[in-house]
Amino acid sequence: MPFEISEECLVCGVCMDECPVEAISETEDQFIIDAEECTDCGSCSEVCPNDSISQI
């Protein structure tokens, strides 16, 4: 199951740097994960300082 970033995102960018398949991109006010690109590795969730990333 792919991961998603909640509204509690701090927009720090740590998750984007950690994603091995570059499935995370930045919008004006939040980061988003492309569910089709996400390989469900969980790397982003593990490094999120605000626990804003979870599996859907």
PDB file of N, CA and C in Angstrom:
ATOM      1  N   MET A   1       0.845  -1.180   0.000  1.00  0.00           N
ATOM      2  CA  MET A   1       0.000   0.000   0.000  1.00  0.00           C
ATOM      3  C   MET A   1       0.890   1.243   0.000  1.00  0.00           C
ATOM      4  N   PRO A   2       0.569   2.203  -0.819  1.00  0.00           N
ATOM      5  CA  PRO A   2       1.379   3.428  -0.853  1.00  0.00           C
ATOM      6  C   PRO A   2       1.197   4.268   0.413  1.00  0.00           C
ATOM      7  N   PHE A   3       2.069   5.214   0.561  1.00  0.00           N
ATOM      8  CA  PHE A   3       2.038   6.112   1.706  1.00  0.00           C
ATOM      9  C   PHE A   3       1.415   7.452   1.306  1.00  0.00           C
ATOM     10  N   GLU A   4       0.938   8.203   2.301  1.00  0.00           N
ATOM     11  CA  GLU A   4       0.423   9.542   2.062  1.00  0.00           C
ATOM     12  C   GLU A   4       0.912  10.475   3.160  1.00  0.00           C
ATOM     13  N   ILE A   5       0.973  11.758   2.828  1.00  0.00           N
ATOM     14  CA  ILE A   5       1.434  12.776   3.764  1.00  0.00           C
ATOM     15  C   ILE A   5       0.219  13.554   4.247  1.00  0.00           C
ATOM     16  N   SER A   6       0.064  13.649   5.560  1.00  0.00           N
ATOM     17  CA  SER A   6      -1.093  14.333   6.139  1.00  0.00           C
ATOM     18  C   SER A   6      -0.905  15.849   6.163  1.00  0.00           C
ATOM     19  N   GLU A   7      -1.951  16.538   6.563  1.00  0.00           N
ATOM     20  CA  GLU A   7      -1.925  17.997   6.649  1.00  0.00           C
ATOM     21  C   GLU A   7      -0.993  18.495   7.744  1.00  0.00           C
ATOM     22  N   GLU A   8      -0.566  17.604   8.638  1.00  0.00           N
ATOM     23  CA  GLU A   8       0.348  17.986   9.712  1.00  0.00           C
ATOM     24  C   GLU A   8       1.792  18.141   9.215  1.00  0.00           C
ATOM     25  N   CYS A   9       2.016  17.926   7.929  1.00  0.00           N
ATOM     26  CA  CYS A   9       3.340  18.030   7.330  1.00  0.00           C
ATOM     27  C   CYS A   9       3.973  19.383   7.651  1.00  0.00           C
ATOM     28  N   LEU A  10       5.239  19.348   8.066  1.00  0.00           N
ATOM     29  CA  LEU A  10       5.977  20.571   8.401  1.00  0.00           C
ATOM     30  C   LEU A  10       6.658  21.198   7.179  1.00  0.00           C
ATOM     31  N   VAL A  11       6.560  20.538   6.024  1.00  0.00           N
ATOM     32  CA  VAL A  11       7.170  20.984   4.767  1.00  0.00           C
ATOM     33  C   VAL A  11       8.681  21.174   4.939  1.00  0.00           C
ATOM     34  N   CYS A  12       9.303  20.208   5.592  1.00  0.00           N
ATOM     35  CA  CYS A  12      10.749  20.294   5.839  1.00  0.00           C
ATOM     36  C   CYS A  12      11.572  19.697   4.700  1.00  0.00           C
ATOM     37  N   GLY A  13      10.998  18.752   3.945  1.00  0.00           N
ATOM     38  CA  GLY A  13      11.691  18.169   2.814  1.00  0.00           C
ATOM     39  C   GLY A  13      12.538  16.948   3.111  1.00  0.00           C
ATOM     40  N   VAL A  14      12.583  16.519   4.351  1.00  0.00           N
ATOM     41  CA  VAL A  14      13.389  15.360   4.715  1.00  0.00           C
ATOM     42  C   VAL A  14      12.909  14.120   3.962  1.00  0.00           C
ATOM     43  N   CYS A  15      11.614  13.947   3.841  1.00  0.00           N
ATOM     44  CA  CYS A  15      11.060  12.771   3.164  1.00  0.00           C
ATOM     45  C   CYS A  15      11.435  12.745   1.683  1.00  0.00           C
ATOM     46  N   MET A  16      11.405  13.885   1.047  1.00  0.00           N
ATOM     47  CA  MET A  16      11.719  13.977  -0.373  1.00  0.00           C
ATOM     48  C   MET A  16      13.166  13.554  -0.632  1.00  0.00           C
ATOM     49  N   ASP A  17      14.068  13.972   0.243  1.00  0.00           N
ATOM     50  CA  ASP A  17      15.470  13.609   0.110  1.00  0.00           C
ATOM     51  C   ASP A  17      15.696  12.111   0.325  1.00  0.00           C
ATOM     52  N   GLU A  18      14.842  11.481   1.119  1.00  0.00           N
ATOM     53  CA  GLU A  18      15.014  10.070   1.482  1.00  0.00           C
ATOM     54  C   GLU A  18      14.398   9.102   0.466  1.00  0.00           C
ATOM     55  N   CYS A  19      13.426   9.539  -0.315  1.00  0.00           N
ATOM     56  CA  CYS A  19      12.708   8.652  -1.241  1.00  0.00           C
ATOM     57  C   CYS A  19      13.629   8.139  -2.355  1.00  0.00           C
ATOM     58  N   PRO A  20      13.818   6.809  -2.440  1.00  0.00           N
ATOM     59  CA  PRO A  20      14.735   6.251  -3.433  1.00  0.00           C
ATOM     60  C   PRO A  20      14.201   6.272  -4.866  1.00  0.00           C
ATOM     61  N   VAL A  21      12.894   6.451  -5.042  1.00  0.00           N
ATOM     62  CA  VAL A  21      12.308   6.456  -6.391  1.00  0.00           C
ATOM     63  C   VAL A  21      11.771   7.825  -6.793  1.00  0.00           C
ATOM     64  N   GLU A  22      12.059   8.831  -5.988  1.00  0.00           N
ATOM     65  CA  GLU A  22      11.635  10.215  -6.260  1.00  0.00           C
ATOM     66  C   GLU A  22      10.126  10.335  -6.475  1.00  0.00           C
ATOM     67  N   ALA A  23       9.347   9.650  -5.619  1.00  0.00           N
ATOM     68  CA  ALA A  23       7.886   9.671  -5.716  1.00  0.00           C
ATOM     69  C   ALA A  23       7.269  10.854  -4.977  1.00  0.00           C
ATOM     70  N   ILE A  24       8.084  11.634  -4.273  1.00  0.00           N
ATOM     71  CA  ILE A  24       7.584  12.756  -3.483  1.00  0.00           C
ATOM     72  C   ILE A  24       7.908  14.062  -4.187  1.00  0.00           C
ATOM     73  N   SER A  25       6.891  14.916  -4.287  1.00  0.00           N
ATOM     74  CA  SER A  25       7.100  16.226  -4.903  1.00  0.00           C
ATOM     75  C   SER A  25       6.503  17.307  -4.006  1.00  0.00           C
ATOM     76  N   GLU A  26       6.917  18.532  -4.261  1.00  0.00           N
ATOM     77  CA  GLU A  26       6.494  19.659  -3.434  1.00  0.00           C
ATOM     78  C   GLU A  26       5.448  20.500  -4.173  1.00  0.00           C
ATOM     79  N   THR A  27       4.361  20.837  -3.464  1.00  0.00           N
ATOM     80  CA  THR A  27       3.382  21.786  -3.978  1.00  0.00           C
ATOM     81  C   THR A  27       3.659  23.112  -3.279  1.00  0.00           C
ATOM     82  N   GLU A  28       2.783  24.077  -3.435  1.00  0.00           N
ATOM     83  CA  GLU A  28       2.998  25.384  -2.798  1.00  0.00           C
ATOM     84  C   GLU A  28       3.110  25.310  -1.289  1.00  0.00           C
ATOM     85  N   ASP A  29       2.307  24.424  -0.669  1.00  0.00           N
ATOM     86  CA  ASP A  29       2.271  24.409   0.792  1.00  0.00           C
ATOM     87  C   ASP A  29       2.396  23.032   1.427  1.00  0.00           C
ATOM     88  N   GLN A  30       2.709  22.010   0.631  1.00  0.00           N
ATOM     89  CA  GLN A  30       2.828  20.669   1.186  1.00  0.00           C
ATOM     90  C   GLN A  30       3.571  19.763   0.215  1.00  0.00           C
ATOM     91  N   PHE A  31       4.044  18.635   0.729  1.00  0.00           N
ATOM     92  CA  PHE A  31       4.639  17.602  -0.101  1.00  0.00           C
ATOM     93  C   PHE A  31       3.579  16.548  -0.380  1.00  0.00           C
ATOM     94  N   ILE A  32       3.655  15.906  -1.544  1.00  0.00           N
ATOM     95  CA  ILE A  32       2.713  14.843  -1.896  1.00  0.00           C
ATOM     96  C   ILE A  32       3.494  13.639  -2.412  1.00  0.00           C
ATOM     97  N   ILE A  33       2.882  12.457  -2.261  1.00  0.00           N
ATOM     98  CA  ILE A  33       3.485  11.215  -2.732  1.00  0.00           C
ATOM     99  C   ILE A  33       2.658  10.687  -3.890  1.00  0.00           C
ATOM    100  N   ASP A  34       3.304  10.414  -5.006  1.00  0.00           N
ATOM    101  CA  ASP A  34       2.645   9.835  -6.165  1.00  0.00           C
ATOM    102  C   ASP A  34       2.443   8.346  -5.884  1.00  0.00           C
ATOM    103  N   ALA A  35       1.190   7.931  -5.693  1.00  0.00           N
ATOM    104  CA  ALA A  35       0.885   6.548  -5.318  1.00  0.00           C
ATOM    105  C   ALA A  35       1.333   5.547  -6.372  1.00  0.00           C
ATOM    106  N   GLU A  36       1.373   5.950  -7.626  1.00  0.00           N
ATOM    107  CA  GLU A  36       1.798   5.036  -8.689  1.00  0.00           C
ATOM    108  C   GLU A  36       3.315   4.836  -8.689  1.00  0.00           C
ATOM    109  N   GLU A  37       4.039   5.833  -8.232  1.00  0.00           N
ATOM    110  CA  GLU A  37       5.503   5.749  -8.184  1.00  0.00           C
ATOM    111  C   GLU A  37       6.010   5.133  -6.882  1.00  0.00           C
ATOM    112  N   CYS A  38       5.248   5.271  -5.811  1.00  0.00           N
ATOM    113  CA  CYS A  38       5.649   4.795  -4.481  1.00  0.00           C
ATOM    114  C   CYS A  38       5.835   3.274  -4.488  1.00  0.00           C
ATOM    115  N   THR A  39       6.968   2.813  -3.951  1.00  0.00           N
ATOM    116  CA  THR A  39       7.263   1.379  -3.883  1.00  0.00           C
ATOM    117  C   THR A  39       6.983   0.799  -2.501  1.00  0.00           C
ATOM    118  N   ASP A  40       6.362   1.584  -1.636  1.00  0.00           N
ATOM    119  CA  ASP A  40       5.975   1.140  -0.291  1.00  0.00           C
ATOM    120  C   ASP A  40       7.159   0.759   0.591  1.00  0.00           C
ATOM    121  N   CYS A  41       8.305   1.380   0.374  1.00  0.00           N
ATOM    122  CA  CYS A  41       9.486   1.017   1.162  1.00  0.00           C
ATOM    123  C   CYS A  41       9.428   1.557   2.594  1.00  0.00           C
ATOM    124  N   GLY A  42       8.715   2.668   2.799  1.00  0.00           N
ATOM    125  CA  GLY A  42       8.589   3.231   4.140  1.00  0.00           C
ATOM    126  C   GLY A  42       9.714   4.143   4.562  1.00  0.00           C
ATOM    127  N   SER A  43      10.677   4.385   3.699  1.00  0.00           N
ATOM    128  CA  SER A  43      11.810   5.244   4.052  1.00  0.00           C
ATOM    129  C   SER A  43      11.359   6.637   4.460  1.00  0.00           C
ATOM    130  N   CYS A  44      10.399   7.179   3.764  1.00  0.00           N
ATOM    131  CA  CYS A  44       9.914   8.529   4.060  1.00  0.00           C
ATOM    132  C   CYS A  44       9.277   8.594   5.445  1.00  0.00           C
ATOM    133  N   SER A  45       8.479   7.584   5.749  1.00  0.00           N
ATOM    134  CA  SER A  45       7.789   7.544   7.038  1.00  0.00           C
ATOM    135  C   SER A  45       8.767   7.437   8.196  1.00  0.00           C
ATOM    136  N   GLU A  46       9.832   6.681   7.987  1.00  0.00           N
ATOM    137  CA  GLU A  46      10.831   6.472   9.037  1.00  0.00           C
ATOM    138  C   GLU A  46      11.581   7.745   9.399  1.00  0.00           C
ATOM    139  N   VAL A  47      11.772   8.650   8.442  1.00  0.00           N
ATOM    140  CA  VAL A  47      12.554   9.855   8.713  1.00  0.00           C
ATOM    141  C   VAL A  47      11.711  11.094   9.013  1.00  0.00           C
ATOM    142  N   CYS A  48      10.404  11.003   8.851  1.00  0.00           N
ATOM    143  CA  CYS A  48       9.540  12.166   9.079  1.00  0.00           C
ATOM    144  C   CYS A  48       9.590  12.604  10.545  1.00  0.00           C
ATOM    145  N   PRO A  49      10.029  13.834  10.802  1.00  0.00           N
ATOM    146  CA  PRO A  49      10.160  14.292  12.197  1.00  0.00           C
ATOM    147  C   PRO A  49       8.812  14.584  12.880  1.00  0.00           C
ATOM    148  N   ASN A  50       7.745  14.616  12.099  1.00  0.00           N
ATOM    149  CA  ASN A  50       6.441  14.947  12.656  1.00  0.00           C
ATOM    150  C   ASN A  50       5.447  13.783  12.557  1.00  0.00           C
ATOM    151  N   ASP A  51       5.925  12.623  12.165  1.00  0.00           N
ATOM    152  CA  ASP A  51       5.054  11.446  11.969  1.00  0.00           C
ATOM    153  C   ASP A  51       3.837  11.766  11.099  1.00  0.00           C
ATOM    154  N   SER A  52       4.072  12.515  10.023  1.00  0.00           N
ATOM    155  CA  SER A  52       2.994  12.954   9.129  1.00  0.00           C
ATOM    156  C   SER A  52       2.763  12.026   7.954  1.00  0.00           C
ATOM    157  N   ILE A  53       3.508  10.926   7.880  1.00  0.00           N
ATOM    158  CA  ILE A  53       3.409  10.025   6.740  1.00  0.00           C
ATOM    159  C   ILE A  53       2.945   8.650   7.215  1.00  0.00           C
ATOM    160  N   SER A  54       1.899   8.139   6.547  1.00  0.00           N
ATOM    161  CA  SER A  54       1.369   6.826   6.912  1.00  0.00           C
ATOM    162  C   SER A  54       0.897   6.084   5.669  1.00  0.00           C
ATOM    163  N   GLN A  55       0.740   4.776   5.805  1.00  0.00           N
ATOM    164  CA  GLN A  55       0.234   3.972   4.688  1.00  0.00           C
ATOM    165  C   GLN A  55      -1.271   4.192   4.529  1.00  0.00           C
ATOM    166  N   ILE A  56      -1.702   4.177   3.271  1.00  0.00           N
ATOM    167  CA  ILE A  56      -3.147   4.314   3.008  1.00  0.00           C
ATOM    168  C   ILE A  56      -3.732   2.968   2.649  1.00  0.00           C
TER     169      ILE A  56
END
